[in-house]
């Protein structure tokens, strides 16, 4: 009887580059639960206003606290997954998924469903309650 765990984190960029940070913001902000305004205003916010203000601010912050290869949330998330996999062995598989970025949760759920596990434990690692993150997760 094989079991699995799905550890979900909100999202993080792949690396510390400005393009990665912009892609991260865009994927996150496109969700209707996160930014719920009319289409024209949302387009302007997601593609121009927020990237110009926040992306460079976050980019500079990431440069100061991250390695060149990986953002620190992704690094520690990967380390946690690896240690859990080692702890529980080959009969228990630990999947990692992000609500908005690689690997995207909805694609991962299709893969997990095909494996027909006897048990699946879902563990969301959100730092605090927010209706947008819980609502987006429940929507999937």
N, C-alpha and C. Protein backbone atom coordinates (compact mmCIF):
# COMPACT_ATOMS: atom_id res chain seq x y z
N UNK A 1 0.85 -1.18 0.00
CA UNK A 1 0.00 0.00 0.00
C UNK A 1 0.89 1.24 0.00
N UNK A 2 0.89 1.95 -1.08
CA UNK A 2 1.72 3.15 -1.19
C UNK A 2 0.91 4.39 -0.86
N UNK A 3 1.60 5.32 -0.23
CA UNK A 3 0.97 6.58 0.13
C UNK A 3 1.86 7.71 -0.37
N UNK A 4 1.28 8.90 -0.38
CA UNK A 4 2.02 10.07 -0.84
C UNK A 4 1.62 11.29 -0.04
N UNK A 5 2.49 12.26 -0.09
CA UNK A 5 2.21 13.54 0.53
C UNK A 5 2.39 14.62 -0.52
N UNK A 6 1.50 15.56 -0.53
CA UNK A 6 1.59 16.70 -1.43
C UNK A 6 1.79 17.94 -0.57
N UNK A 7 2.97 18.51 -0.66
CA UNK A 7 3.30 19.71 0.09
C UNK A 7 3.11 20.90 -0.85
N UNK A 8 2.24 21.81 -0.46
CA UNK A 8 1.90 22.95 -1.32
C UNK A 8 2.45 24.22 -0.72
N UNK A 9 3.12 24.98 -1.53
CA UNK A 9 3.55 26.30 -1.14
C UNK A 9 2.91 27.28 -2.10
N UNK A 10 2.83 28.52 -1.70
CA UNK A 10 2.14 29.51 -2.50
C UNK A 10 2.80 29.68 -3.86
N UNK A 11 3.97 30.21 -3.89
CA UNK A 11 4.75 30.33 -5.12
C UNK A 11 6.05 31.05 -4.81
N UNK A 12 6.98 30.86 -5.67
CA UNK A 12 8.24 31.60 -5.59
C UNK A 12 8.88 31.58 -6.97
N UNK A 13 9.73 32.54 -7.21
CA UNK A 13 10.39 32.59 -8.51
C UNK A 13 11.45 31.50 -8.61
N UNK A 14 11.81 31.13 -9.85
CA UNK A 14 12.79 30.08 -10.09
C UNK A 14 14.20 30.49 -9.66
N UNK A 15 14.56 31.72 -9.95
CA UNK A 15 15.90 32.20 -9.62
C UNK A 15 15.81 33.68 -9.27
N UNK A 16 16.94 34.33 -9.19
CA UNK A 16 16.96 35.72 -8.74
C UNK A 16 16.97 36.73 -9.89
N UNK A 17 16.85 36.28 -11.12
CA UNK A 17 16.85 37.20 -12.26
C UNK A 17 15.59 38.03 -12.35
N UNK A 18 15.69 39.20 -12.91
CA UNK A 18 14.56 40.13 -13.00
C UNK A 18 13.41 39.54 -13.82
N UNK A 19 13.72 38.79 -14.87
CA UNK A 19 12.67 38.18 -15.70
C UNK A 19 11.90 37.12 -14.90
N UNK A 20 12.62 36.36 -14.11
CA UNK A 20 11.97 35.36 -13.26
C UNK A 20 11.07 36.01 -12.22
N UNK A 21 11.51 37.12 -11.64
CA UNK A 21 10.71 37.84 -10.65
C UNK A 21 9.46 38.41 -11.32
N UNK A 22 9.59 38.97 -12.52
CA UNK A 22 8.43 39.50 -13.25
C UNK A 22 7.44 38.41 -13.60
N UNK A 23 7.92 37.26 -14.05
CA UNK A 23 7.04 36.13 -14.40
C UNK A 23 6.28 35.64 -13.16
N UNK A 24 6.99 35.60 -12.05
CA UNK A 24 6.39 35.20 -10.77
C UNK A 24 5.24 36.13 -10.40
N UNK A 25 5.48 37.44 -10.47
CA UNK A 25 4.42 38.40 -10.15
C UNK A 25 3.24 38.28 -11.10
N UNK A 26 3.52 38.15 -12.38
CA UNK A 26 2.45 38.09 -13.37
C UNK A 26 1.56 36.87 -13.14
N UNK A 27 2.15 35.70 -12.93
CA UNK A 27 1.36 34.49 -12.71
C UNK A 27 0.50 34.61 -11.46
N UNK A 28 1.06 35.19 -10.43
CA UNK A 28 0.35 35.35 -9.17
C UNK A 28 -0.80 36.35 -9.31
N UNK A 29 -0.56 37.48 -9.95
CA UNK A 29 -1.55 38.55 -10.00
C UNK A 29 -2.66 38.33 -11.02
N UNK A 30 -2.48 37.40 -11.95
CA UNK A 30 -3.51 37.13 -12.95
C UNK A 30 -4.73 36.43 -12.33
N UNK A 31 -4.54 35.74 -11.23
CA UNK A 31 -5.63 35.02 -10.57
C UNK A 31 -6.73 36.00 -10.16
N UNK A 32 -7.98 35.69 -10.52
CA UNK A 32 -9.10 36.59 -10.21
C UNK A 32 -9.35 36.72 -8.72
N UNK A 33 -8.94 35.75 -7.94
CA UNK A 33 -9.13 35.83 -6.50
C UNK A 33 -8.11 36.80 -5.89
N UNK A 34 -6.95 36.92 -6.48
CA UNK A 34 -5.90 37.80 -5.96
C UNK A 34 -6.18 39.26 -6.32
N UNK A 35 -6.43 39.52 -7.59
CA UNK A 35 -6.75 40.88 -8.05
C UNK A 35 -8.09 40.82 -8.76
N UNK A 36 -9.10 41.36 -8.10
CA UNK A 36 -10.47 41.28 -8.62
C UNK A 36 -10.93 42.69 -9.02
N UNK A 37 -10.51 43.11 -10.20
CA UNK A 37 -10.91 44.41 -10.75
C UNK A 37 -11.27 44.20 -12.22
N UNK A 38 -11.77 45.25 -12.86
CA UNK A 38 -12.16 45.09 -14.27
C UNK A 38 -10.93 44.78 -15.13
N UNK A 39 -11.17 44.23 -16.30
CA UNK A 39 -10.11 43.68 -17.15
C UNK A 39 -9.06 44.72 -17.57
N UNK A 40 -9.48 45.93 -17.90
CA UNK A 40 -8.53 46.95 -18.36
C UNK A 40 -7.61 47.37 -17.22
N UNK A 41 -8.18 47.63 -16.06
CA UNK A 41 -7.37 48.02 -14.90
C UNK A 41 -6.44 46.88 -14.48
N UNK A 42 -6.94 45.66 -14.54
CA UNK A 42 -6.10 44.51 -14.18
C UNK A 42 -4.93 44.38 -15.15
N UNK A 43 -5.18 44.55 -16.44
CA UNK A 43 -4.10 44.48 -17.44
C UNK A 43 -3.02 45.52 -17.14
N UNK A 44 -3.44 46.74 -16.84
CA UNK A 44 -2.48 47.81 -16.54
C UNK A 44 -1.72 47.51 -15.24
N UNK A 45 -2.43 47.05 -14.24
CA UNK A 45 -1.79 46.72 -12.96
C UNK A 45 -0.76 45.60 -13.12
N UNK A 46 -1.18 44.50 -13.75
CA UNK A 46 -0.34 43.31 -13.84
C UNK A 46 0.84 43.49 -14.78
N UNK A 47 0.66 44.23 -15.85
CA UNK A 47 1.71 44.32 -16.86
C UNK A 47 2.58 45.58 -16.76
N UNK A 48 2.11 46.60 -16.09
CA UNK A 48 2.89 47.84 -16.07
C UNK A 48 3.13 48.39 -14.66
N UNK A 49 2.07 48.66 -13.93
CA UNK A 49 2.19 49.38 -12.66
C UNK A 49 2.93 48.55 -11.61
N UNK A 50 2.44 47.37 -11.31
CA UNK A 50 3.07 46.54 -10.27
C UNK A 50 4.48 46.09 -10.68
N UNK A 51 4.70 45.64 -11.92
CA UNK A 51 6.07 45.27 -12.28
C UNK A 51 7.07 46.42 -12.15
N UNK A 52 6.64 47.61 -12.50
CA UNK A 52 7.56 48.75 -12.40
C UNK A 52 7.88 49.10 -10.95
N UNK A 53 6.90 48.97 -10.09
CA UNK A 53 7.11 49.35 -8.69
C UNK A 53 7.71 48.20 -7.88
N UNK A 54 7.09 47.05 -7.93
CA UNK A 54 7.46 45.96 -7.03
C UNK A 54 8.56 45.05 -7.54
N UNK A 55 8.63 44.79 -8.82
CA UNK A 55 9.60 43.82 -9.33
C UNK A 55 11.04 44.25 -9.04
N UNK A 56 11.35 45.50 -9.27
CA UNK A 56 12.71 45.95 -9.02
C UNK A 56 13.03 45.99 -7.53
N UNK A 57 12.03 46.34 -6.74
CA UNK A 57 12.21 46.32 -5.29
C UNK A 57 12.49 44.90 -4.81
N UNK A 58 11.69 43.94 -5.27
CA UNK A 58 11.89 42.53 -4.89
C UNK A 58 13.18 41.98 -5.48
N UNK A 59 13.48 42.38 -6.71
CA UNK A 59 14.71 41.92 -7.35
C UNK A 59 15.93 42.31 -6.51
N UNK A 60 15.97 43.53 -6.07
CA UNK A 60 17.10 43.99 -5.24
C UNK A 60 17.14 43.25 -3.91
N UNK A 61 15.98 42.99 -3.34
CA UNK A 61 15.92 42.24 -2.08
C UNK A 61 16.42 40.82 -2.29
N UNK A 62 15.93 40.15 -3.36
CA UNK A 62 16.36 38.79 -3.65
C UNK A 62 17.86 38.71 -3.90
N UNK A 63 18.42 39.71 -4.59
CA UNK A 63 19.86 39.70 -4.84
C UNK A 63 20.65 39.69 -3.54
N UNK A 64 20.13 40.34 -2.54
CA UNK A 64 20.82 40.42 -1.27
C UNK A 64 20.73 39.17 -0.41
N UNK A 65 19.67 38.37 -0.57
CA UNK A 65 19.46 37.23 0.34
C UNK A 65 19.47 35.87 -0.35
N UNK A 66 19.63 35.82 -1.65
CA UNK A 66 19.52 34.55 -2.37
C UNK A 66 20.84 34.19 -3.04
N UNK A 67 20.96 32.90 -3.33
CA UNK A 67 22.11 32.46 -4.11
C UNK A 67 21.83 32.75 -5.58
N UNK A 68 22.81 32.54 -6.42
CA UNK A 68 22.64 32.82 -7.85
C UNK A 68 21.71 31.81 -8.51
N UNK A 69 21.67 30.59 -7.99
CA UNK A 69 20.94 29.52 -8.66
C UNK A 69 19.48 29.39 -8.25
N UNK A 70 19.12 29.92 -7.09
CA UNK A 70 17.80 29.59 -6.58
C UNK A 70 17.36 30.65 -5.58
N UNK A 71 16.07 30.94 -5.56
CA UNK A 71 15.55 31.81 -4.52
C UNK A 71 15.56 31.04 -3.20
N UNK A 72 15.74 31.74 -2.10
CA UNK A 72 15.85 31.02 -0.83
C UNK A 72 14.59 30.30 -0.42
N UNK A 73 13.35 30.79 -0.71
CA UNK A 73 12.18 29.97 -0.36
C UNK A 73 12.17 28.65 -1.13
N UNK A 74 12.56 28.69 -2.41
CA UNK A 74 12.59 27.47 -3.21
C UNK A 74 13.68 26.52 -2.70
N UNK A 75 14.83 27.05 -2.33
CA UNK A 75 15.92 26.22 -1.82
C UNK A 75 15.48 25.48 -0.56
N UNK A 76 14.91 26.19 0.41
CA UNK A 76 14.51 25.55 1.65
C UNK A 76 13.32 24.62 1.47
N UNK A 77 12.43 24.96 0.57
CA UNK A 77 11.31 24.09 0.25
C UNK A 77 11.82 22.78 -0.34
N UNK A 78 12.77 22.86 -1.28
CA UNK A 78 13.36 21.66 -1.88
C UNK A 78 14.10 20.82 -0.84
N UNK A 79 14.82 21.46 0.06
CA UNK A 79 15.53 20.74 1.13
C UNK A 79 14.55 20.01 2.05
N UNK A 80 13.45 20.67 2.38
CA UNK A 80 12.44 20.04 3.24
C UNK A 80 11.84 18.81 2.56
N UNK A 81 11.54 18.92 1.28
CA UNK A 81 10.98 17.80 0.52
C UNK A 81 11.97 16.65 0.50
N UNK A 82 13.24 16.94 0.23
CA UNK A 82 14.27 15.92 0.16
C UNK A 82 14.43 15.20 1.51
N UNK A 83 14.43 15.93 2.60
CA UNK A 83 14.58 15.31 3.92
C UNK A 83 13.37 14.46 4.29
N UNK A 84 12.18 14.91 3.92
CA UNK A 84 10.98 14.10 4.18
C UNK A 84 10.98 12.83 3.36
N UNK A 85 11.42 12.93 2.12
CA UNK A 85 11.49 11.74 1.27
C UNK A 85 12.48 10.73 1.86
N UNK A 86 13.63 11.20 2.32
CA UNK A 86 14.61 10.31 2.94
C UNK A 86 14.06 9.69 4.22
N UNK A 87 13.33 10.45 4.98
CA UNK A 87 12.80 9.97 6.26
C UNK A 87 11.75 8.87 6.08
N UNK A 88 10.85 9.04 5.10
CA UNK A 88 9.76 8.08 4.96
C UNK A 88 10.03 6.95 3.98
N UNK A 89 11.08 7.03 3.21
CA UNK A 89 11.49 5.92 2.36
C UNK A 89 10.75 5.81 1.05
N UNK A 90 10.99 4.67 0.37
CA UNK A 90 10.49 4.51 -0.99
C UNK A 90 9.00 4.18 -1.08
N UNK A 91 8.39 3.75 0.01
CA UNK A 91 6.96 3.45 -0.03
C UNK A 91 6.08 4.68 0.19
N UNK A 92 6.69 5.79 0.42
CA UNK A 92 5.96 7.04 0.66
C UNK A 92 6.61 8.12 -0.19
N UNK A 93 5.88 8.63 -1.17
CA UNK A 93 6.46 9.62 -2.07
C UNK A 93 6.01 11.02 -1.65
N UNK A 94 6.92 11.96 -1.65
CA UNK A 94 6.62 13.34 -1.29
C UNK A 94 6.68 14.20 -2.55
N UNK A 95 5.54 14.79 -2.90
CA UNK A 95 5.46 15.70 -4.04
C UNK A 95 5.51 17.13 -3.54
N UNK A 96 6.05 18.00 -4.35
CA UNK A 96 6.02 19.43 -4.04
C UNK A 96 5.26 20.14 -5.15
N UNK A 97 4.45 21.08 -4.76
CA UNK A 97 3.69 21.83 -5.74
C UNK A 97 3.54 23.27 -5.33
N UNK A 98 3.52 24.13 -6.32
CA UNK A 98 3.29 25.54 -6.07
C UNK A 98 1.96 25.93 -6.69
N UNK A 99 1.26 26.78 -6.00
CA UNK A 99 -0.04 27.22 -6.48
C UNK A 99 0.07 27.93 -7.83
N UNK A 100 1.16 28.69 -8.03
CA UNK A 100 1.28 29.48 -9.25
C UNK A 100 2.50 29.21 -10.10
N UNK A 101 3.50 28.54 -9.61
CA UNK A 101 4.74 28.46 -10.39
C UNK A 101 5.33 27.05 -10.31
N UNK A 102 6.34 26.77 -11.05
CA UNK A 102 6.91 25.44 -11.27
C UNK A 102 7.19 24.67 -9.98
N UNK A 103 6.71 23.44 -9.85
CA UNK A 103 5.67 22.80 -10.66
C UNK A 103 4.28 23.29 -10.24
N UNK A 104 3.48 23.59 -11.23
CA UNK A 104 2.14 24.12 -10.99
C UNK A 104 1.24 23.02 -10.45
N UNK A 105 0.51 23.35 -9.42
CA UNK A 105 -0.29 22.39 -8.67
C UNK A 105 -1.29 21.63 -9.54
N UNK A 106 -1.99 22.31 -10.42
CA UNK A 106 -3.04 21.62 -11.20
C UNK A 106 -2.46 20.54 -12.12
N UNK A 107 -1.25 20.76 -12.66
CA UNK A 107 -0.60 19.74 -13.49
C UNK A 107 -0.12 18.58 -12.63
N UNK A 108 0.35 18.89 -11.46
CA UNK A 108 0.85 17.88 -10.54
C UNK A 108 -0.28 16.97 -10.05
N UNK A 109 -1.47 17.54 -9.82
CA UNK A 109 -2.61 16.74 -9.37
C UNK A 109 -3.02 15.69 -10.39
N UNK A 110 -2.92 16.02 -11.65
CA UNK A 110 -3.22 15.05 -12.72
C UNK A 110 -2.23 13.89 -12.65
N UNK A 111 -0.97 14.21 -12.46
CA UNK A 111 0.08 13.18 -12.35
C UNK A 111 -0.16 12.28 -11.13
N UNK A 112 -0.50 12.89 -10.00
CA UNK A 112 -0.74 12.13 -8.77
C UNK A 112 -1.95 11.23 -8.91
N UNK A 113 -3.00 11.74 -9.55
CA UNK A 113 -4.23 10.98 -9.71
C UNK A 113 -3.98 9.68 -10.51
N UNK A 114 -3.09 9.71 -11.47
CA UNK A 114 -2.78 8.54 -12.28
C UNK A 114 -2.06 7.45 -11.49
N UNK A 115 -1.39 7.84 -10.40
CA UNK A 115 -0.61 6.88 -9.60
C UNK A 115 -1.48 6.01 -8.70
N UNK A 116 -2.71 6.43 -8.44
CA UNK A 116 -3.66 5.66 -7.61
C UNK A 116 -3.09 5.30 -6.24
N UNK A 117 -2.66 6.29 -5.50
CA UNK A 117 -2.16 6.06 -4.15
C UNK A 117 -3.30 5.67 -3.23
N UNK A 118 -3.00 4.85 -2.23
CA UNK A 118 -4.00 4.45 -1.24
C UNK A 118 -4.34 5.63 -0.33
N UNK A 119 -3.36 6.50 -0.11
CA UNK A 119 -3.58 7.65 0.77
C UNK A 119 -2.76 8.83 0.24
N UNK A 120 -3.37 10.01 0.29
CA UNK A 120 -2.68 11.24 -0.09
C UNK A 120 -2.87 12.25 1.03
N UNK A 121 -1.77 12.71 1.58
CA UNK A 121 -1.80 13.72 2.64
C UNK A 121 -1.42 15.05 2.01
N UNK A 122 -2.29 16.04 2.15
CA UNK A 122 -2.04 17.36 1.58
C UNK A 122 -1.65 18.31 2.70
N UNK A 123 -0.52 18.96 2.51
CA UNK A 123 0.01 19.86 3.53
C UNK A 123 0.29 21.23 2.93
N UNK A 124 -0.62 22.20 3.11
CA UNK A 124 -0.34 23.55 2.62
C UNK A 124 0.60 24.28 3.58
N UNK A 125 1.61 24.93 3.04
CA UNK A 125 2.60 25.65 3.84
C UNK A 125 2.46 27.16 3.70
N UNK A 126 1.25 27.65 3.80
CA UNK A 126 1.04 29.08 3.69
C UNK A 126 1.40 29.74 5.01
N UNK A 127 2.08 30.86 4.95
CA UNK A 127 2.55 31.53 6.16
C UNK A 127 1.43 32.06 7.03
N UNK A 128 0.36 32.47 6.42
CA UNK A 128 -0.77 32.99 7.18
C UNK A 128 -2.04 32.73 6.38
N UNK A 129 -3.17 32.84 7.05
CA UNK A 129 -4.43 32.66 6.35
C UNK A 129 -4.72 33.88 5.49
N UNK A 130 -5.08 33.61 4.27
CA UNK A 130 -5.56 34.65 3.36
C UNK A 130 -6.61 34.01 2.47
N UNK A 131 -7.73 34.65 2.32
CA UNK A 131 -8.80 34.06 1.52
C UNK A 131 -8.37 33.83 0.09
N UNK A 132 -7.45 34.66 -0.43
CA UNK A 132 -6.98 34.48 -1.81
C UNK A 132 -6.21 33.17 -1.98
N UNK A 133 -5.32 32.85 -1.06
CA UNK A 133 -4.53 31.62 -1.21
C UNK A 133 -5.38 30.38 -0.95
N UNK A 134 -6.20 30.39 0.09
CA UNK A 134 -7.07 29.25 0.38
C UNK A 134 -8.11 29.09 -0.72
N UNK A 135 -8.67 30.21 -1.18
CA UNK A 135 -9.68 30.17 -2.26
C UNK A 135 -9.09 29.65 -3.57
N UNK A 136 -7.89 30.08 -3.90
CA UNK A 136 -7.24 29.61 -5.14
C UNK A 136 -6.90 28.14 -5.05
N UNK A 137 -6.48 27.68 -3.89
CA UNK A 137 -6.17 26.26 -3.71
C UNK A 137 -7.44 25.44 -3.82
N UNK A 138 -8.51 25.86 -3.17
CA UNK A 138 -9.76 25.11 -3.20
C UNK A 138 -10.36 25.08 -4.61
N UNK A 139 -10.11 26.12 -5.39
CA UNK A 139 -10.62 26.21 -6.76
C UNK A 139 -10.03 25.09 -7.64
N UNK A 140 -8.79 24.73 -7.36
CA UNK A 140 -8.12 23.70 -8.16
C UNK A 140 -8.70 22.36 -7.81
